[in-house]
């Protein structure tokens, strides 16, 4: 008799989880129900429901679907990625009756595979003659973000298993076509059936060597040499802790100042000031190694972070990432906010002139809806990730402190006087004036701000108000 009631495959996109699912489903009495808790769909992108539960019903009560999977005939399970419903992840990691199968792949290979799949639109391959491939550009900063998310999740999973005294079945991408290893999973799950051969329907995509898949392969090799693979940060629990986000740091070309941004702050205005400080390009895209070199070569030096009022910051991220997300990076979250959280965001991006029907009243209603979402999101009560663009500044600052504790934590409104003083401390005599950079649509915020907006923001960012002593915005 099996020690488990159900199983979860802990994996990521482009790690071979589709093939692993296909192999598991060949076992008599085993059924993997796909990405059952993907925030964008339920089970499969084309499915309207799973085991009789619709997407909306799952969002309202994810444990109802978990109960259906656990109670399904035979051994049921599903695939779970780092950005899937963290309520389910937390439950499964604590549940000893849930078998954990951990699937991993070389992160560079999975990242490149993901880039190619996005470029070609081909996510599965069943006929090699239909294979699509396209060389892609390797962006180191984008890869670091991918790697951060992957390692954060792996670190969280490992710790939860350690503190609860559990073990998992580990399998790598290269083992997926080894029938003996797949049969080892069957033994681990406690099912009797064994495979004679693995699933042959799904074909390996992009089998060519990496150098033929990357347009800037030499540049990629150089960039990867600067990555410190052994002391990368981790970000467990809710509200998720954050890594130091070192690639986002900014420094002038010569002066010993280092800016450690907290997302959705006055980054553009500060970057312009740092550029004017030395009259040259700002140093960007730090790695741990290059940042250590910077500290060693800039004496004296000062580092600083900047706090933005939570009302102004929430409004900035709402406009930039949700309301006016023309690039589509947050399109899935935008759709989820409209569909599940009933935030009154217009279906099309408004032009912010007031002439297309989207006026101050509409903006106030939509922003209040977003603030209500932030309150439950930051409390770990939604399936949507806590994105660093709207994570609390307290948590972001703790992340910075994992690598460097800033010499100064400044307030946005104090920058015109605070920045010249900080520059003087490192010997800079002639300092350009700081030109404040309020958000492009801050006048819209001024037009809708009232005690209700302030109260909703305080509920969402209670820790920031408490620890940083923010007063009302106006």
Protein backbone atom coordinates (compact mmCIF):
# COMPACT_ATOMS: atom_id res chain seq x y z
CA UNK A 1 0.00 0.00 0.00
CA UNK A 2 1.31 3.43 -0.93
CA UNK A 3 2.49 5.85 1.73
CA UNK A 4 1.01 8.68 -0.35
CA UNK A 5 -2.47 9.89 -1.31
CA UNK A 6 -1.36 12.08 -4.20
CA UNK A 7 1.77 13.60 -5.72
CA UNK A 8 3.16 16.91 -6.94
CA UNK A 9 5.83 17.46 -9.59
CA UNK A 10 7.85 20.49 -8.49
CA UNK A 11 9.37 21.88 -11.67
CA UNK A 12 9.63 24.95 -13.90
CA UNK A 13 8.84 25.80 -17.49
CA UNK A 14 11.08 24.09 -20.07
CA UNK A 15 12.45 21.51 -17.65
CA UNK A 16 10.75 18.56 -19.37
CA UNK A 17 7.68 18.44 -17.16
CA UNK A 18 5.39 17.69 -20.12
CA UNK A 19 7.44 14.59 -20.93
CA UNK A 20 7.50 13.52 -17.29
CA UNK A 21 3.72 13.92 -17.13
CA UNK A 22 3.32 11.85 -20.30
CA UNK A 23 5.50 9.09 -18.83
CA UNK A 24 3.66 9.07 -15.51
CA UNK A 25 0.33 8.85 -17.31
CA UNK A 26 1.49 5.65 -19.01
CA UNK A 27 1.57 3.98 -15.60
CA UNK A 28 -1.61 2.12 -14.77
CA UNK A 29 -3.43 3.87 -11.94
CA UNK A 30 -1.42 7.13 -12.18
CA UNK A 31 -2.79 10.38 -13.55
CA UNK A 32 -1.04 13.75 -13.63
CA UNK A 33 -3.58 16.54 -14.13
CA UNK A 34 -1.21 19.09 -15.67
CA UNK A 35 -0.73 22.57 -14.26
CA UNK A 36 -3.79 22.39 -12.05
CA UNK A 37 -2.97 25.60 -10.19
CA UNK A 38 -1.49 27.78 -12.92
CA UNK A 39 -2.81 31.36 -12.29
CA UNK A 40 -3.60 31.77 -16.01
CA UNK A 41 -5.50 28.55 -16.67
CA UNK A 42 -6.63 25.32 -15.04
CA UNK A 43 -4.77 22.13 -15.92
CA UNK A 44 -4.26 22.93 -19.60
CA UNK A 45 -4.50 26.24 -21.53
CA UNK A 46 -7.44 24.89 -23.57
CA UNK A 47 -9.41 23.45 -20.64
CA UNK A 48 -12.45 25.19 -19.17
CA UNK A 49 -12.54 23.05 -16.04
CA UNK A 50 -10.72 20.25 -14.27
CA UNK A 51 -12.51 17.41 -12.52
CA UNK A 52 -15.69 19.48 -12.69
CA UNK A 53 -14.19 22.60 -11.13
CA UNK A 54 -13.98 25.79 -13.18
CA UNK A 55 -11.15 28.32 -13.17
CA UNK A 56 -13.20 30.86 -11.17
CA UNK A 57 -14.24 28.22 -8.64
CA UNK A 58 -10.62 27.16 -8.22
CA UNK A 59 -9.51 30.75 -7.65
CA UNK A 60 -12.15 31.12 -4.94
CA UNK A 61 -11.33 27.79 -3.27
CA UNK A 62 -8.19 26.03 -4.56
CA UNK A 63 -8.45 23.32 -1.92
CA UNK A 64 -11.68 22.06 -3.45
CA UNK A 65 -9.74 21.11 -6.56
CA UNK A 66 -6.94 19.64 -4.46
CA UNK A 67 -9.52 17.43 -2.73
CA UNK A 68 -10.81 16.25 -6.14
CA UNK A 69 -7.29 15.35 -7.27
CA UNK A 70 -6.52 13.62 -3.98
CA UNK A 71 -9.78 11.69 -4.19
CA UNK A 72 -9.46 10.74 -7.86
CA UNK A 73 -9.16 7.09 -8.81
CA UNK A 74 -5.67 5.68 -8.40
CA UNK A 75 -2.73 8.02 -7.73
CA UNK A 76 -3.49 11.59 -8.83
CA UNK A 77 -1.14 14.51 -8.98
CA UNK A 78 -0.20 17.71 -10.78
CA UNK A 79 2.70 19.92 -11.84
CA UNK A 80 3.54 22.92 -9.67
CA UNK A 81 5.86 25.80 -10.67
CA UNK A 82 7.22 28.66 -8.58
CA UNK A 83 4.56 31.11 -9.82
CA UNK A 84 1.59 28.78 -9.25
CA UNK A 85 -0.78 29.12 -6.30
CA UNK A 86 1.47 29.42 -3.26
CA UNK A 87 -1.37 28.43 -0.94
CA UNK A 88 -1.35 25.00 -2.55
CA UNK A 89 2.45 24.89 -2.54
CA UNK A 90 2.55 25.59 1.19
CA UNK A 91 -0.06 22.91 1.89
CA UNK A 92 1.56 20.23 -0.25
CA UNK A 93 5.04 20.84 1.14
CA UNK A 94 3.72 20.35 4.66
CA UNK A 95 1.59 17.29 3.79
CA UNK A 96 3.42 13.99 4.38
CA UNK A 97 0.74 12.19 2.37
CA UNK A 98 1.81 14.17 -0.70
CA UNK A 99 4.69 12.64 -2.67
CA UNK A 100 7.18 15.21 -3.91
CA UNK A 101 8.90 14.69 -7.26
CA UNK A 102 11.50 17.37 -7.95
CA UNK A 103 12.44 17.87 -11.60
CA UNK A 104 15.44 20.06 -12.47
CA UNK A 105 17.36 21.08 -15.56
CA UNK A 106 20.47 23.14 -16.29
CA UNK A 107 19.08 26.68 -15.81
CA UNK A 108 20.88 28.09 -18.86
CA UNK A 109 19.40 25.38 -21.07
CA UNK A 110 15.89 25.84 -19.68
CA UNK A 111 16.16 29.63 -20.06
CA UNK A 112 17.31 29.40 -23.68
CA UNK A 113 14.60 26.83 -24.42
CA UNK A 114 12.01 29.20 -22.94
CA UNK A 115 13.30 32.08 -25.06
CA UNK A 116 13.10 29.97 -28.23
CA UNK A 117 9.60 28.73 -27.38
CA UNK A 118 8.45 32.31 -26.89
CA UNK A 119 10.04 33.35 -30.17
CA UNK A 120 8.56 30.49 -32.20
CA UNK A 121 5.31 29.91 -30.33
CA UNK A 122 6.07 26.18 -30.17
CA UNK A 123 5.85 24.77 -26.65
CA UNK A 124 5.42 21.07 -27.49
CA UNK A 125 6.67 18.92 -30.35
CA UNK A 126 5.12 15.62 -31.44
CA UNK A 127 6.37 15.53 -35.05
CA UNK A 128 10.01 16.40 -35.70
CA UNK A 129 9.19 17.57 -39.23
CA UNK A 130 7.17 20.41 -37.69
CA UNK A 131 10.02 21.58 -35.49
CA UNK A 132 10.50 25.34 -35.24
CA UNK A 133 13.66 26.96 -33.98
CA UNK A 134 15.22 30.40 -34.01
CA UNK A 135 18.48 31.72 -32.56
CA UNK A 136 17.80 34.10 -29.68
CA UNK A 137 19.66 36.89 -27.92
CA UNK A 138 20.91 36.07 -24.40
CA UNK A 139 20.08 38.87 -21.95
CA UNK A 140 22.10 38.43 -18.75
CA UNK A 141 19.83 40.59 -16.62
CA UNK A 142 16.77 38.68 -17.80
CA UNK A 143 18.57 35.40 -17.08
CA UNK A 144 19.48 36.52 -13.57
CA UNK A 145 15.81 37.28 -12.88
CA UNK A 146 14.94 33.80 -14.19
CA UNK A 147 17.66 32.23 -12.06
CA UNK A 148 16.62 34.17 -8.95
CA UNK A 149 13.04 32.91 -9.20
CA UNK A 150 14.18 29.35 -9.83
CA UNK A 151 16.68 29.22 -6.96
CA UNK A 152 14.33 31.01 -4.58
CA UNK A 153 11.73 28.32 -5.13
CA UNK A 154 14.22 25.46 -4.90
CA UNK A 155 15.62 26.89 -1.68
CA UNK A 156 12.14 27.27 -0.22
CA UNK A 157 11.20 23.69 -1.15
CA UNK A 158 14.42 22.31 0.31
CA UNK A 159 13.95 24.13 3.60
CA UNK A 160 10.33 23.05 3.98
CA UNK A 161 11.30 19.43 3.41
CA UNK A 162 14.17 19.73 5.87
CA UNK A 163 12.19 21.27 8.71
CA UNK A 164 9.35 18.76 8.27
CA UNK A 165 11.67 15.77 7.96
CA UNK A 166 10.50 14.71 4.50
CA UNK A 167 12.28 13.41 1.44
CA UNK A 168 11.56 13.77 -2.27
CA UNK A 169 12.30 11.90 -5.49
CA UNK A 170 14.82 13.92 -7.51
CA UNK A 171 15.01 13.56 -11.27
CA UNK A 172 16.93 15.60 -13.82
CA UNK A 173 15.96 16.52 -17.35
CA UNK A 174 18.58 14.10 -18.72
CA UNK A 175 16.93 11.17 -16.87
CA UNK A 176 13.48 11.64 -18.39
CA UNK A 177 14.10 9.13 -21.19
CA UNK A 178 15.59 6.53 -18.85
CA UNK A 179 12.83 3.99 -18.29
CA UNK A 180 14.54 2.59 -15.19
CA UNK A 181 14.54 6.00 -13.53
CA UNK A 182 10.90 6.58 -14.42
CA UNK A 183 10.07 3.17 -12.97
CA UNK A 184 11.89 4.33 -9.85
CA UNK A 185 9.24 7.04 -9.53
CA UNK A 186 6.58 4.32 -9.75
CA UNK A 187 8.29 2.48 -6.89
CA UNK A 188 8.52 5.74 -4.92
CA UNK A 189 4.81 6.38 -5.40
CA UNK A 190 4.00 2.83 -4.35
CA UNK A 191 2.23 1.79 -7.55
CA UNK A 192 2.66 -1.73 -8.98
CA UNK A 193 2.83 -0.97 -12.69
CA UNK A 194 6.15 -0.57 -14.52
CA UNK A 195 6.95 0.76 -18.00
CA UNK A 196 8.74 -1.19 -20.69
CA UNK A 197 9.45 1.96 -22.67
CA UNK A 198 9.06 5.68 -22.17
CA UNK A 199 6.59 7.91 -24.03
CA UNK A 200 7.75 8.44 -27.62
CA UNK A 201 5.10 10.88 -28.73
CA UNK A 202 6.78 14.00 -27.41
CA UNK A 203 10.00 14.91 -29.20
CA UNK A 204 12.98 16.80 -27.85
CA UNK A 205 12.91 20.38 -29.08
CA UNK A 206 16.01 22.31 -30.15
CA UNK A 207 18.56 19.46 -29.83
CA UNK A 208 21.37 21.55 -31.35
CA UNK A 209 24.30 22.78 -29.19
CA UNK A 210 23.91 26.07 -27.32
CA UNK A 211 26.31 27.98 -29.56
CA UNK A 212 23.94 27.53 -32.50
CA UNK A 213 20.94 28.74 -30.46
CA UNK A 214 22.45 31.97 -29.11
CA UNK A 215 23.22 34.94 -31.33
CA UNK A 216 25.67 36.40 -28.77
CA UNK A 217 27.19 33.16 -27.47
CA UNK A 218 30.63 34.65 -26.63
CA UNK A 219 29.01 37.51 -24.73
CA UNK A 220 26.90 34.99 -22.83
CA UNK A 221 29.96 32.98 -21.81
CA UNK A 222 31.67 36.12 -20.51
CA UNK A 223 28.60 37.22 -18.56
CA UNK A 224 28.12 33.79 -16.97
CA UNK A 225 31.69 33.81 -15.67
CA UNK A 226 30.72 36.74 -13.45
CA UNK A 227 27.85 34.89 -11.81
CA UNK A 228 28.58 33.64 -8.32
CA UNK A 229 26.87 30.27 -8.50
CA UNK A 230 27.58 29.25 -4.90
CA UNK A 231 26.43 32.18 -2.76
CA UNK A 232 23.23 33.17 -4.49
CA UNK A 233 20.52 34.53 -2.22
CA UNK A 234 17.22 32.86 -1.44
CA UNK A 235 13.72 34.28 -0.87
CA UNK A 236 11.41 32.01 1.13
CA UNK A 237 8.01 32.46 2.89
CA UNK A 238 5.16 35.00 2.59
CA UNK A 239 5.40 37.96 2.12
CA UNK A 240 8.32 36.57 0.13
CA UNK A 241 11.73 37.71 1.19
CA UNK A 242 13.73 39.20 -1.66
CA UNK A 243 17.25 38.80 -2.90
CA UNK A 244 19.50 41.87 -3.01
CA UNK A 245 18.67 42.47 -6.71
CA UNK A 246 22.27 43.46 -7.38
CA UNK A 247 21.87 43.85 -11.19
CA UNK A 248 19.53 46.82 -10.57
CA UNK A 249 22.11 48.86 -8.63
CA UNK A 250 23.42 52.12 -10.12
CA UNK A 251 26.68 54.00 -9.59
CA UNK A 252 28.28 57.06 -11.23
CA UNK A 253 31.38 56.37 -13.31
CA UNK A 254 33.90 57.72 -10.77
CA UNK A 255 32.30 58.99 -7.57
CA UNK A 256 31.92 56.47 -4.74
CA UNK A 257 28.13 56.48 -4.52
CA UNK A 258 25.97 53.39 -4.96
CA UNK A 259 22.20 53.52 -5.40
CA UNK A 260 20.27 50.38 -4.38
CA UNK A 261 16.78 50.86 -5.90
CA UNK A 262 13.57 49.72 -4.26
CA UNK A 263 11.31 48.92 -7.21
CA UNK A 264 8.77 51.53 -8.35
CA UNK A 265 10.75 54.38 -6.81
CA UNK A 266 12.26 57.54 -8.38
CA UNK A 267 14.87 55.56 -10.32
CA UNK A 268 14.86 57.70 -13.48
CA UNK A 269 15.45 60.98 -11.65
CA UNK A 270 18.22 59.46 -9.52
CA UNK A 271 19.84 57.86 -12.56
CA UNK A 272 19.86 61.23 -14.33
CA UNK A 273 21.49 62.85 -11.30
CA UNK A 274 24.15 60.13 -11.05
CA UNK A 275 24.90 60.63 -14.75
CA UNK A 276 25.27 64.39 -14.28
CA UNK A 277 27.45 63.88 -11.22
CA UNK A 278 30.42 62.64 -13.28
CA UNK A 279 29.19 63.62 -16.73
CA UNK A 280 29.49 60.04 -17.96
CA UNK A 281 27.44 56.87 -18.31
CA UNK A 282 26.18 55.28 -15.11
CA UNK A 283 27.54 51.86 -14.14
CA UNK A 284 24.77 49.25 -14.32
CA UNK A 285 24.19 45.50 -14.36
CA UNK A 286 26.42 44.67 -11.41
CA UNK A 287 27.15 41.09 -10.40
CA UNK A 288 28.28 40.05 -6.94
CA UNK A 289 31.87 39.89 -8.12
CA UNK A 290 31.89 43.24 -9.93
CA UNK A 291 30.14 44.88 -6.99
CA UNK A 292 32.83 43.60 -4.61
CA UNK A 293 35.44 45.01 -7.00
CA UNK A 294 33.59 48.34 -7.00
CA UNK A 295 33.63 48.50 -3.20
CA UNK A 296 37.37 47.74 -3.16
CA UNK A 297 38.20 50.39 -5.77
CA UNK A 298 35.98 53.25 -4.50
CA UNK A 299 37.28 54.64 -1.26
CA UNK A 300 35.54 56.35 0.38
CA UNK A 301 32.14 55.15 -0.76
CA UNK A 302 28.52 55.47 0.38
CA UNK A 303 25.47 53.41 -0.56
CA UNK A 304 21.91 54.63 -0.31
CA UNK A 305 18.31 53.52 -0.82
CA UNK A 306 15.29 55.77 -1.29
CA UNK A 307 11.82 55.35 0.21
CA UNK A 308 8.79 56.56 -1.73
CA UNK A 309 5.48 57.21 0.01
CA UNK A 310 3.33 54.06 -0.29
CA UNK A 311 0.43 55.96 -1.89
CA UNK A 312 2.65 57.44 -4.61
CA UNK A 313 4.47 54.14 -5.08
CA UNK A 314 1.29 52.05 -5.33
CA UNK A 315 -0.13 54.50 -7.84
CA UNK A 316 3.07 54.43 -9.90
CA UNK A 317 3.13 50.63 -10.10
CA UNK A 318 -0.60 50.53 -10.84
CA UNK A 319 -0.15 52.86 -13.81
CA UNK A 320 3.12 51.40 -15.11
CA UNK A 321 2.55 47.68 -14.63
CA UNK A 322 -1.21 47.17 -14.67
CA UNK A 323 -3.29 49.97 -16.15
CA UNK A 324 -0.87 51.00 -18.93
CA UNK A 325 0.99 47.73 -19.45
CA UNK A 326 1.33 48.11 -23.21
CA UNK A 327 4.28 45.72 -23.39
CA UNK A 328 2.13 42.89 -22.10
CA UNK A 329 4.60 41.74 -19.45
CA UNK A 330 1.84 41.81 -16.81
CA UNK A 331 -0.98 40.93 -19.21
CA UNK A 332 -1.90 37.72 -17.36
CA UNK A 333 -2.00 39.48 -14.01
CA UNK A 334 -4.02 42.32 -15.52
CA UNK A 335 -6.53 39.80 -16.86
CA UNK A 336 -6.69 38.01 -13.51
CA UNK A 337 -7.34 41.30 -11.70
CA UNK A 338 -10.24 42.06 -14.03
CA UNK A 339 -11.70 38.55 -14.00
CA UNK A 340 -11.13 37.25 -10.49
CA UNK A 341 -10.61 40.31 -8.31
CA UNK A 342 -13.14 42.43 -10.21
CA UNK A 343 -10.81 45.42 -10.45
CA UNK A 344 -12.49 47.87 -12.84
CA UNK A 345 -9.58 48.13 -15.26
CA UNK A 346 -10.72 48.93 -18.82
CA UNK A 347 -10.27 46.12 -21.33
CA UNK A 348 -8.13 48.38 -23.52
CA UNK A 349 -5.30 50.59 -22.33
CA UNK A 350 -6.65 54.14 -21.77
CA UNK A 351 -4.92 57.11 -23.37
CA UNK A 352 -5.00 59.11 -20.08
CA UNK A 353 -6.47 62.16 -21.74
CA UNK A 354 -9.95 61.70 -20.32
CA UNK A 355 -11.40 61.77 -23.82
CA UNK A 356 -11.82 57.99 -24.18
CA UNK A 357 -14.25 57.66 -21.26
CA UNK A 358 -11.59 56.83 -18.68
CA UNK A 359 -11.83 59.78 -16.28
CA UNK A 360 -10.89 60.54 -12.67
CA UNK A 361 -13.92 58.68 -11.31
CA UNK A 362 -12.95 55.58 -13.31
CA UNK A 363 -9.34 55.94 -12.18
CA UNK A 364 -10.28 56.22 -8.53
CA UNK A 365 -12.47 53.10 -8.70
CA UNK A 366 -9.76 51.11 -10.48
CA UNK A 367 -7.00 52.25 -8.13
CA UNK A 368 -9.05 51.41 -5.03
CA UNK A 369 -9.67 47.96 -6.51
CA UNK A 370 -5.94 47.50 -7.04
CA UNK A 371 -5.21 48.56 -3.45
CA UNK A 372 -7.74 45.99 -2.22
CA UNK A 373 -5.93 43.36 -4.29
CA UNK A 374 -2.55 44.43 -2.85
CA UNK A 375 -3.86 43.90 0.68
CA UNK A 376 -4.73 40.24 0.06
CA UNK A 377 -1.80 39.62 -2.28
CA UNK A 378 0.79 40.82 0.22
CA UNK A 379 -0.92 38.68 2.86
CA UNK A 380 -0.43 35.53 0.77
CA UNK A 381 -4.13 35.10 -0.02
CA UNK A 382 -4.03 35.06 -3.83
CA UNK A 383 -2.58 32.80 -6.49
CA UNK A 384 -0.77 35.74 -8.09
CA UNK A 385 2.91 36.23 -7.23
CA UNK A 386 3.98 39.06 -4.96
CA UNK A 387 5.90 40.94 -7.63
CA UNK A 388 8.93 43.00 -6.50
CA UNK A 389 7.42 46.00 -8.28
CA UNK A 390 4.76 46.20 -5.56
CA UNK A 391 6.33 44.20 -2.71
CA UNK A 392 6.65 46.19 0.51
CA UNK A 393 9.69 48.44 0.74
CA UNK A 394 10.51 46.90 4.12
CA UNK A 395 10.96 43.46 2.52
CA UNK A 396 12.87 44.88 -0.46
CA UNK A 397 15.23 46.70 1.89
CA UNK A 398 15.80 43.50 3.84
CA UNK A 399 16.75 41.88 0.54
CA UNK A 400 19.31 44.60 -0.16
CA UNK A 401 20.70 44.04 3.32
CA UNK A 402 21.59 40.45 2.48
CA UNK A 403 24.55 41.79 0.52
CA UNK A 404 25.06 45.41 1.54
CA UNK A 405 23.53 47.51 4.31
CA UNK A 406 22.95 51.00 2.84
CA UNK A 407 24.77 53.85 4.58
CA UNK A 408 21.70 56.01 4.13
CA UNK A 409 17.97 55.40 3.69
CA UNK A 410 16.62 58.60 2.19
CA UNK A 411 13.10 59.86 1.57
CA UNK A 412 12.09 60.91 -1.92
CA UNK A 413 10.99 64.35 -0.77
CA UNK A 414 14.40 64.97 0.90
CA UNK A 415 16.55 64.11 -2.14
CA UNK A 416 17.30 67.72 -3.29
CA UNK A 417 19.21 68.36 -0.05
CA UNK A 418 20.16 64.82 1.00
CA UNK A 419 21.97 63.76 -2.17
CA UNK A 420 24.44 66.70 -2.28
CA UNK A 421 25.31 66.03 1.38
CA UNK A 422 25.94 62.37 0.61
CA UNK A 423 28.14 63.28 -2.36
CA UNK A 424 30.14 65.66 -0.18
CA UNK A 425 30.88 62.82 2.24
CA UNK A 426 32.83 61.03 -0.50
CA UNK A 427 34.73 64.16 -1.55
CA UNK A 428 32.57 65.47 -4.37
CA UNK A 429 32.68 69.27 -4.25
CA UNK A 430 30.83 70.38 -7.36
CA UNK A 431 27.46 68.67 -7.28
CA UNK A 432 24.62 69.20 -9.77
CA UNK A 433 21.19 70.04 -8.44
CA UNK A 434 18.81 67.13 -8.12
CA UNK A 435 15.76 67.52 -10.33
CA UNK A 436 12.79 65.71 -8.73
CA UNK A 437 10.96 63.24 -10.93
CA UNK A 438 7.39 62.66 -9.77
CA UNK A 439 5.46 60.04 -11.67
CA UNK A 440 4.08 61.06 -15.06
CA UNK A 441 0.49 60.67 -13.88
CA UNK A 442 0.86 61.96 -10.34
CA UNK A 443 -1.66 64.71 -11.16
CA UNK A 444 -4.22 61.93 -11.64
CA UNK A 445 -3.37 60.69 -8.16
CA UNK A 446 -3.77 64.19 -6.73
CA UNK A 447 -7.18 64.35 -8.38
CA UNK A 448 -8.46 61.15 -6.73
CA UNK A 449 -6.62 61.14 -3.41
CA UNK A 450 -8.74 61.24 -0.26
CA UNK A 451 -8.98 59.55 3.13
CA UNK A 452 -10.37 56.35 1.56
CA UNK A 453 -7.36 56.01 -0.75
CA UNK A 454 -5.02 56.68 2.18
CA UNK A 455 -6.80 54.12 4.36
CA UNK A 456 -6.74 51.44 1.65
CA UNK A 457 -3.02 52.01 1.13
CA UNK A 458 -2.36 51.78 4.87
CA UNK A 459 -4.15 48.45 4.97
CA UNK A 460 -2.06 47.12 2.09
CA UNK A 461 1.28 48.44 3.34
CA UNK A 462 0.78 48.36 7.09
CA UNK A 463 4.40 47.32 7.78
CA UNK A 464 5.86 50.10 5.65
CA UNK A 465 3.75 52.69 7.46
CA UNK A 466 4.65 51.22 10.84
CA UNK A 467 8.39 50.76 10.38
CA UNK A 468 9.10 53.87 8.29
CA UNK A 469 6.67 56.25 9.97
CA UNK A 470 4.90 57.50 6.86
CA UNK A 471 2.28 60.17 7.41
CA UNK A 472 -0.66 60.77 5.09
CA UNK A 473 0.41 61.47 1.54
CA UNK A 474 -1.21 64.94 1.45
